[in-house]
N, C-alpha and C. Protein backbone atom coordinates (compact mmCIF):
# COMPACT_ATOMS: atom_id res chain seq x y z
N UNK A 1 -1.17 -0.25 11.77
CA UNK A 1 -1.09 0.96 11.47
C UNK A 1 -0.70 1.06 9.88
N UNK A 2 -1.52 1.97 9.50
CA UNK A 2 -1.57 2.55 8.38
C UNK A 2 -0.55 2.79 7.01
N UNK A 3 -0.34 1.92 5.54
CA UNK A 3 0.45 2.46 4.80
C UNK A 3 -0.20 2.59 3.50
N UNK A 4 -0.34 4.11 2.98
CA UNK A 4 -0.56 4.14 1.59
C UNK A 4 0.84 4.18 0.73
N UNK A 5 0.64 3.13 -0.12
CA UNK A 5 1.75 2.14 -1.09
C UNK A 5 1.61 2.23 -2.29
N UNK A 6 2.18 3.09 -3.02
CA UNK A 6 2.07 3.41 -4.39
C UNK A 6 3.36 2.61 -5.43
N UNK A 7 2.40 1.65 -6.31
CA UNK A 7 3.75 1.26 -6.86
C UNK A 7 3.76 1.38 -8.38
N UNK A 8 4.41 0.68 -9.18
CA UNK A 8 4.11 1.03 -10.34
C UNK A 8 5.32 0.65 -11.16
N UNK A 9 5.10 -0.04 -12.32
CA UNK A 9 5.89 -0.99 -12.60
C UNK A 9 6.89 -0.84 -14.00
N UNK A 10 8.45 -1.42 -13.33
CA UNK A 10 9.51 -0.87 -13.89
C UNK A 10 9.54 -1.09 -15.72
N UNK A 11 8.70 -0.33 -16.27
CA UNK A 11 8.41 -1.05 -18.30
C UNK A 11 10.08 -1.46 -18.56
N UNK A 12 11.19 -1.25 -18.36
CA UNK A 12 12.36 -1.71 -18.55
C UNK A 12 12.42 -3.02 -18.97
N UNK A 13 11.64 -3.55 -17.74
CA UNK A 13 11.73 -4.71 -17.23
C UNK A 13 10.34 -5.88 -18.03
N UNK A 14 9.84 -5.38 -18.59
CA UNK A 14 8.26 -5.53 -19.94
C UNK A 14 8.67 -6.63 -20.26
N UNK A 15 7.68 -7.80 -19.65
CA UNK A 15 8.16 -8.56 -21.15
C UNK A 15 6.99 -10.24 -20.59
N UNK A 16 6.92 -11.16 -21.19
CA UNK A 16 6.10 -11.99 -21.48
C UNK A 16 5.80 -12.35 -19.80
N UNK A 17 7.07 -12.71 -18.99
CA UNK A 17 6.50 -13.03 -17.81
C UNK A 17 6.71 -12.09 -16.12
N UNK A 18 6.88 -11.09 -16.89
CA UNK A 18 6.18 -9.76 -16.31
C UNK A 18 5.06 -9.68 -16.25
N UNK A 19 3.73 -9.73 -17.43
CA UNK A 19 2.58 -9.96 -18.35
C UNK A 19 2.07 -10.64 -17.09
N UNK A 20 2.61 -12.16 -17.28
CA UNK A 20 1.38 -13.13 -16.08
C UNK A 20 2.19 -12.50 -14.34
N UNK A 21 3.23 -12.05 -14.12
CA UNK A 21 2.87 -11.46 -12.14
C UNK A 21 2.15 -10.11 -12.09
N UNK A 22 2.41 -9.46 -13.43
CA UNK A 22 0.95 -8.57 -13.09
C UNK A 22 -0.29 -9.20 -13.32
N UNK A 23 -0.77 -11.00 -13.86
CA UNK A 23 -1.85 -11.00 -14.00
C UNK A 23 -1.87 -11.89 -12.81
N UNK A 24 -1.61 -12.24 -12.02
CA UNK A 24 -1.78 -12.46 -10.65
C UNK A 24 -1.40 -11.04 -9.44
N UNK A 25 -1.66 -10.49 -9.79
CA UNK A 25 -1.40 -9.14 -8.65
C UNK A 25 -2.92 -9.22 -8.12
N UNK A 26 -4.39 -9.32 -8.98
CA UNK A 26 -5.68 -9.11 -8.14
C UNK A 26 -5.62 -10.36 -6.91
N UNK A 27 -5.85 -11.44 -7.41
CA UNK A 27 -5.64 -12.96 -6.42
C UNK A 27 -4.63 -12.53 -5.31
N UNK A 28 -3.44 -11.85 -5.61
CA UNK A 28 -3.07 -11.35 -4.35
C UNK A 28 -3.53 -10.31 -3.05
N UNK A 29 -3.71 -9.39 -3.83
CA UNK A 29 -4.59 -8.75 -3.28
C UNK A 29 -6.19 -8.72 -2.79
N UNK A 30 -6.30 -9.46 -3.54
CA UNK A 30 -7.77 -9.98 -2.63
C UNK A 30 -7.98 -10.95 -1.34
N UNK A 31 -6.25 -11.79 -1.42
CA UNK A 31 -6.47 -12.60 -0.49
C UNK A 31 -5.72 -11.67 0.63
N UNK A 32 -4.90 -10.82 0.52
CA UNK A 32 -4.68 -9.87 1.70
C UNK A 32 -5.50 -9.12 2.16
N UNK A 33 -6.24 -8.91 1.41
CA UNK A 33 -7.77 -8.20 1.90
C UNK A 33 -8.41 -8.91 2.38
N UNK A 34 -8.79 -10.34 2.28
CA UNK A 34 -9.23 -11.15 3.17
C UNK A 34 -9.00 -11.76 4.62
N UNK A 35 -7.77 -11.21 4.52
CA UNK A 35 -6.62 -11.82 5.58
C UNK A 35 -6.46 -9.74 6.12
N UNK A 36 -7.49 -9.33 6.06
CA UNK A 36 -7.57 -7.64 6.68
C UNK A 36 -5.99 -6.75 6.63
N UNK A 37 -5.15 -7.29 5.81
CA UNK A 37 -3.81 -6.74 5.52
C UNK A 37 -3.90 -5.51 4.49
N UNK A 38 -4.66 -5.85 3.18
CA UNK A 38 -4.79 -4.50 2.15
C UNK A 38 -6.39 -3.97 2.70
N UNK A 39 -6.40 -2.51 2.68
CA UNK A 39 -8.05 -2.01 3.12
C UNK A 39 -8.57 -1.65 2.05
N UNK A 40 -7.94 -1.25 0.74
CA UNK A 40 -8.28 -0.95 -0.15
C UNK A 40 -6.96 -0.91 -1.51
N UNK A 41 -7.23 -1.05 -2.72
CA UNK A 41 -6.54 -1.40 -3.69
C UNK A 41 -7.78 -0.07 -4.49
N UNK A 42 -6.55 0.40 -5.27
CA UNK A 42 -6.72 0.90 -6.85
C UNK A 42 -6.03 0.89 -7.86
N UNK A 43 -6.48 1.04 -8.98
CA UNK A 43 -5.57 1.86 -10.16
C UNK A 43 -5.15 2.96 -10.38
N UNK A 44 -3.90 3.13 -10.79
CA UNK A 44 -3.50 4.90 -10.73
C UNK A 44 -4.01 4.85 -12.70
N UNK A 45 -4.89 5.79 -12.95
CA UNK A 45 -5.06 6.22 -14.08
C UNK A 45 -4.29 6.46 -14.84
N UNK A 46 -3.84 6.31 -16.34
CA UNK A 46 -2.77 6.39 -16.98
C UNK A 46 -1.07 5.72 -16.49
N UNK A 47 -0.96 5.03 -15.13
CA UNK A 47 -0.12 4.82 -14.99
C UNK A 47 0.21 2.98 -15.10
N UNK A 48 1.25 2.69 -14.69
CA UNK A 48 1.19 1.11 -14.53
C UNK A 48 1.47 0.74 -13.46
N UNK A 49 1.10 0.71 -12.58
CA UNK A 49 0.47 0.19 -10.84
C UNK A 49 -0.66 0.65 -10.28
N UNK A 50 -0.48 0.90 -9.37
CA UNK A 50 -1.34 1.18 -8.25
C UNK A 50 -0.81 1.81 -7.31
N UNK A 51 -2.40 2.31 -6.36
CA UNK A 51 -2.24 2.38 -5.02
C UNK A 51 -3.15 1.78 -4.12
N UNK A 52 -2.43 0.95 -3.02
CA UNK A 52 -2.87 0.25 -2.18
C UNK A 52 -2.56 0.68 -0.65
N UNK A 53 -4.33 0.38 0.34
CA UNK A 53 -3.72 0.73 1.53
C UNK A 53 -3.56 -0.30 2.65
N UNK A 54 -2.52 -0.64 3.11
CA UNK A 54 -1.99 -1.83 3.50
C UNK A 54 -2.72 -1.30 5.46
N UNK A 55 -3.07 -2.24 5.61
CA UNK A 55 -2.72 -1.84 7.58
C UNK A 55 -1.78 -3.40 7.91
N UNK A 56 -1.06 -3.00 8.23
CA UNK A 56 0.54 -3.48 9.21
C UNK A 56 0.94 -3.31 10.62
N UNK A 57 1.42 -4.42 11.47
CA UNK A 57 2.07 -3.74 12.53
C UNK A 57 2.66 -2.84 12.59
N UNK A 58 3.88 -3.17 11.56
CA UNK A 58 5.13 -2.36 11.74
C UNK A 58 5.53 -2.43 9.88
N UNK A 59 6.25 -1.29 10.39
CA UNK A 59 7.14 -1.50 8.65
C UNK A 59 7.88 -2.90 8.84
N UNK A 60 8.09 -3.79 8.90
CA UNK A 60 8.76 -4.99 9.23
C UNK A 60 7.56 -5.74 8.50
N UNK A 61 7.05 -5.91 8.88
CA UNK A 61 4.99 -6.46 8.62
C UNK A 61 5.48 -6.37 6.69
N UNK A 62 5.43 -4.56 6.80
CA UNK A 62 4.31 -4.57 5.41
C UNK A 62 5.93 -4.86 4.43
N UNK A 63 7.32 -4.40 4.89
CA UNK A 63 8.02 -5.23 3.97
C UNK A 63 8.04 -6.82 3.65
N UNK A 64 7.46 -7.54 4.65
CA UNK A 64 6.83 -9.18 3.98
C UNK A 64 5.70 -8.81 3.35
N UNK A 65 4.81 -7.92 3.73
CA UNK A 65 3.88 -8.41 2.20
C UNK A 65 4.37 -8.55 1.09
N UNK A 66 4.99 -6.86 0.90
CA UNK A 66 5.37 -6.37 -0.13
C UNK A 66 6.00 -7.38 -0.96
N UNK A 67 6.87 -7.91 -0.13
CA UNK A 67 7.93 -8.90 -0.56
C UNK A 67 6.87 -9.91 -1.26
N UNK A 68 5.91 -10.05 -0.93
CA UNK A 68 4.69 -11.12 -1.36
C UNK A 68 4.45 -10.98 -2.70
N UNK A 69 4.32 -9.38 -2.98
CA UNK A 69 3.80 -9.64 -4.41
C UNK A 69 4.52 -9.93 -5.31
N UNK A 70 3.56 -10.50 -6.30
CA UNK A 70 4.10 -10.61 -7.42
C UNK A 70 4.93 -10.38 -8.28
N UNK A 71 4.72 -9.27 -8.06
CA UNK A 71 6.15 -8.06 -8.80
C UNK A 71 6.84 -7.20 -8.41
N UNK A 72 7.28 -7.47 -6.97
CA UNK A 72 7.57 -6.81 -6.11
C UNK A 72 8.99 -6.98 -6.53
N UNK A 73 9.62 -7.72 -7.41
CA UNK A 73 11.35 -6.94 -8.23
C UNK A 73 11.11 -6.53 -9.11
N UNK A 74 9.77 -5.80 -9.73
CA UNK A 74 10.00 -5.49 -10.89
C UNK A 74 9.10 -3.98 -10.71
N UNK A 75 9.05 -3.56 -9.88
CA UNK A 75 8.29 -2.39 -9.65
C UNK A 75 9.06 -1.61 -8.91
N UNK A 76 8.60 -0.51 -8.62
CA UNK A 76 8.69 0.84 -7.61
C UNK A 76 8.63 1.07 -6.62
N UNK A 77 8.51 0.96 -5.70
CA UNK A 77 7.43 0.93 -4.56
C UNK A 77 7.78 3.11 -3.63
N UNK A 78 6.64 3.61 -3.57
CA UNK A 78 6.42 4.87 -2.23
C UNK A 78 5.65 4.52 -1.51
N UNK A 79 6.23 4.49 -0.25
CA UNK A 79 5.36 4.20 0.76
C UNK A 79 5.23 5.28 2.06
N UNK A 80 4.30 5.41 1.94
CA UNK A 80 3.86 7.33 3.11
C UNK A 80 2.99 5.70 4.57
N UNK A 81 3.41 6.32 5.45
CA UNK A 81 2.52 6.20 6.91
C UNK A 81 1.27 7.14 6.96
N UNK A 82 0.47 6.72 7.29
CA UNK A 82 -0.92 7.06 7.06
C UNK A 82 -1.29 7.72 8.77
N UNK A 83 -1.94 8.65 9.45
CA UNK A 83 -2.08 8.68 10.61
C UNK A 83 -4.29 8.90 10.57
N UNK A 84 -4.67 8.34 11.17
CA UNK A 84 -5.90 8.47 11.23
C UNK A 84 -6.18 10.49 11.90
N UNK A 85 -7.24 10.55 11.59
CA UNK A 85 -7.18 11.97 11.54
C UNK A 85 -8.03 12.40 12.90
N UNK A 86 -8.77 10.75 13.20
CA UNK A 86 -9.64 10.77 14.21
C UNK A 86 -9.27 11.03 15.45
N UNK A 87 -7.67 10.74 15.49
CA UNK A 87 -7.01 10.41 17.06
C UNK A 87 -6.45 11.46 17.02
N UNK A 88 -6.92 12.86 16.77
CA UNK A 88 -6.49 14.58 16.98
C UNK A 88 -7.58 14.35 18.07
N UNK A 89 -7.06 15.41 19.28
CA UNK A 89 -7.46 15.91 20.08
C UNK A 89 -8.92 16.62 20.25
N UNK A 90 -9.75 15.70 20.68
CA UNK A 90 -11.51 17.06 20.70
C UNK A 90 -11.70 17.82 20.75
N UNK A 91 -11.05 18.17 21.81
CA UNK A 91 -11.09 19.36 22.25
C UNK A 91 -9.88 20.70 22.40
N UNK A 92 -10.51 21.14 21.24
CA UNK A 92 -8.85 22.21 21.25
C UNK A 92 -9.18 22.95 22.12
N UNK A 93 -10.21 23.69 23.29
CA UNK A 93 -9.94 24.39 24.08
C UNK A 93 -8.83 24.34 25.08
N UNK A 94 -8.51 23.18 25.06
CA UNK A 94 -7.92 22.37 26.59
C UNK A 94 -6.49 22.58 25.90
N UNK A 95 -6.07 22.39 24.75
CA UNK A 95 -4.54 22.13 24.14
C UNK A 95 -4.28 23.71 24.14
N UNK A 96 -5.52 24.82 23.79
CA UNK A 96 -4.65 26.21 24.01
C UNK A 96 -4.71 26.64 25.33
N UNK A 97 -5.60 26.27 26.38
CA UNK A 97 -5.22 26.51 27.51
C UNK A 97 -3.83 26.07 28.35
N UNK A 98 -3.17 25.08 27.81
CA UNK A 98 -2.13 24.49 28.27
C UNK A 98 -0.95 24.83 27.09
N UNK A 99 -1.48 26.64 26.57
CA UNK A 99 0.06 27.01 26.10
C UNK A 99 0.34 28.28 26.71
């Protein structure tokens, strides 16, 4: 399953410790990419966070991956399940004939 995860730092909790946590995110992301758990990572321009696409077997696995993030306790997350558009039926005439 693919998930789009938008995360944003809670700026009310900003401190030196939080800045160090943010500094560890690239290493964390690179490790997950090497494991095939993160397919791509983006910075959201004008925001204090990012947009990452995860590949996980389940929502529970995604939760474990998110919980391992250095910023997990100081960020908010919005999660969207993604569906491959390539999985759509190739022949729409068959679908119309069944209706």
